[in-house]
Amino acid sequence: MLADALTASAIARRLGISVATVHKHVESLYRKLGTRDRVSTVLRAQEMGLLPRRGGR
């Protein structure tokens, strides 16, 4: 959902969890992937094969 540029609020609504829980999970992703923001997290996940690349790359 980060790759789809959804806000934490939108992610929380879709998953039926709190915004705080979304933030905790995103922080965990940053730590595990060694990133500091959403864009670099999505790019790193694509590089690692965790997410498909978009845009014909």
Protein backbone atom coordinates (compact mmCIF):
# COMPACT_ATOMS: atom_id res chain seq x y z
CA MET A 1 0.00 0.00 0.00
CA LEU A 2 2.99 2.27 0.45
CA ALA A 3 3.83 1.62 -3.20
CA ASP A 4 0.31 2.79 -4.08
CA ALA A 5 1.03 6.07 -2.23
CA LEU A 6 -1.75 5.53 0.30
CA THR A 7 -1.64 7.61 3.46
CA ALA A 8 -1.36 5.96 6.86
CA SER A 9 -5.02 6.83 7.45
CA ALA A 10 -6.10 5.17 4.21
CA ILE A 11 -4.03 2.07 4.97
CA ALA A 12 -5.51 1.88 8.47
CA ARG A 13 -9.05 2.10 7.10
CA ARG A 14 -8.40 -0.62 4.51
CA LEU A 15 -6.88 -2.98 7.05
CA GLY A 16 -9.18 -2.13 9.95
CA ILE A 17 -6.31 -1.14 12.24
CA SER A 18 -5.27 2.08 13.93
CA VAL A 19 -3.11 4.72 12.30
CA ALA A 20 -0.59 4.23 15.12
CA THR A 21 -0.30 0.56 14.19
CA VAL A 22 0.35 1.50 10.56
CA HIS A 23 3.08 3.90 11.66
CA LYS A 24 4.70 1.18 13.79
CA HIS A 25 4.72 -1.24 10.85
CA VAL A 26 6.16 1.41 8.52
CA GLU A 27 8.89 2.21 11.06
CA SER A 28 9.69 -1.51 11.19
CA LEU A 29 9.99 -1.60 7.40
CA TYR A 30 12.35 1.40 7.48
CA ARG A 31 14.54 -0.33 10.06
CA LYS A 32 14.58 -3.70 8.30
CA LEU A 33 15.25 -2.24 4.85
CA GLY A 34 17.67 0.43 6.08
CA THR A 35 15.61 3.30 4.68
CA ARG A 36 14.28 6.60 6.02
CA ASP A 37 11.28 7.47 3.88
CA ARG A 38 8.46 5.92 1.88
CA VAL A 39 9.98 6.39 -1.55
CA SER A 40 13.33 4.84 -0.70
CA THR A 41 11.52 2.03 1.13
CA VAL A 42 9.44 1.15 -1.93
CA LEU A 43 12.48 1.37 -4.21
CA ARG A 44 14.55 -0.82 -1.89
CA ALA A 45 11.74 -3.39 -1.67
CA GLN A 46 11.61 -3.47 -5.48
CA GLU A 47 15.39 -3.91 -5.69
CA MET A 48 15.15 -6.83 -3.26
CA GLY A 49 12.36 -8.45 -5.27
CA LEU A 50 9.80 -7.94 -2.50
CA LEU A 51 7.62 -5.77 -4.76
CA PRO A 52 7.19 -5.85 -8.51
CA ARG A 53 8.75 -2.98 -10.43
CA ARG A 54 6.33 -0.62 -12.13
CA GLY A 55 6.56 1.49 -15.22
CA GLY A 56 8.07 -1.09 -17.55
CA ARG A 57 11.41 -1.38 -15.74
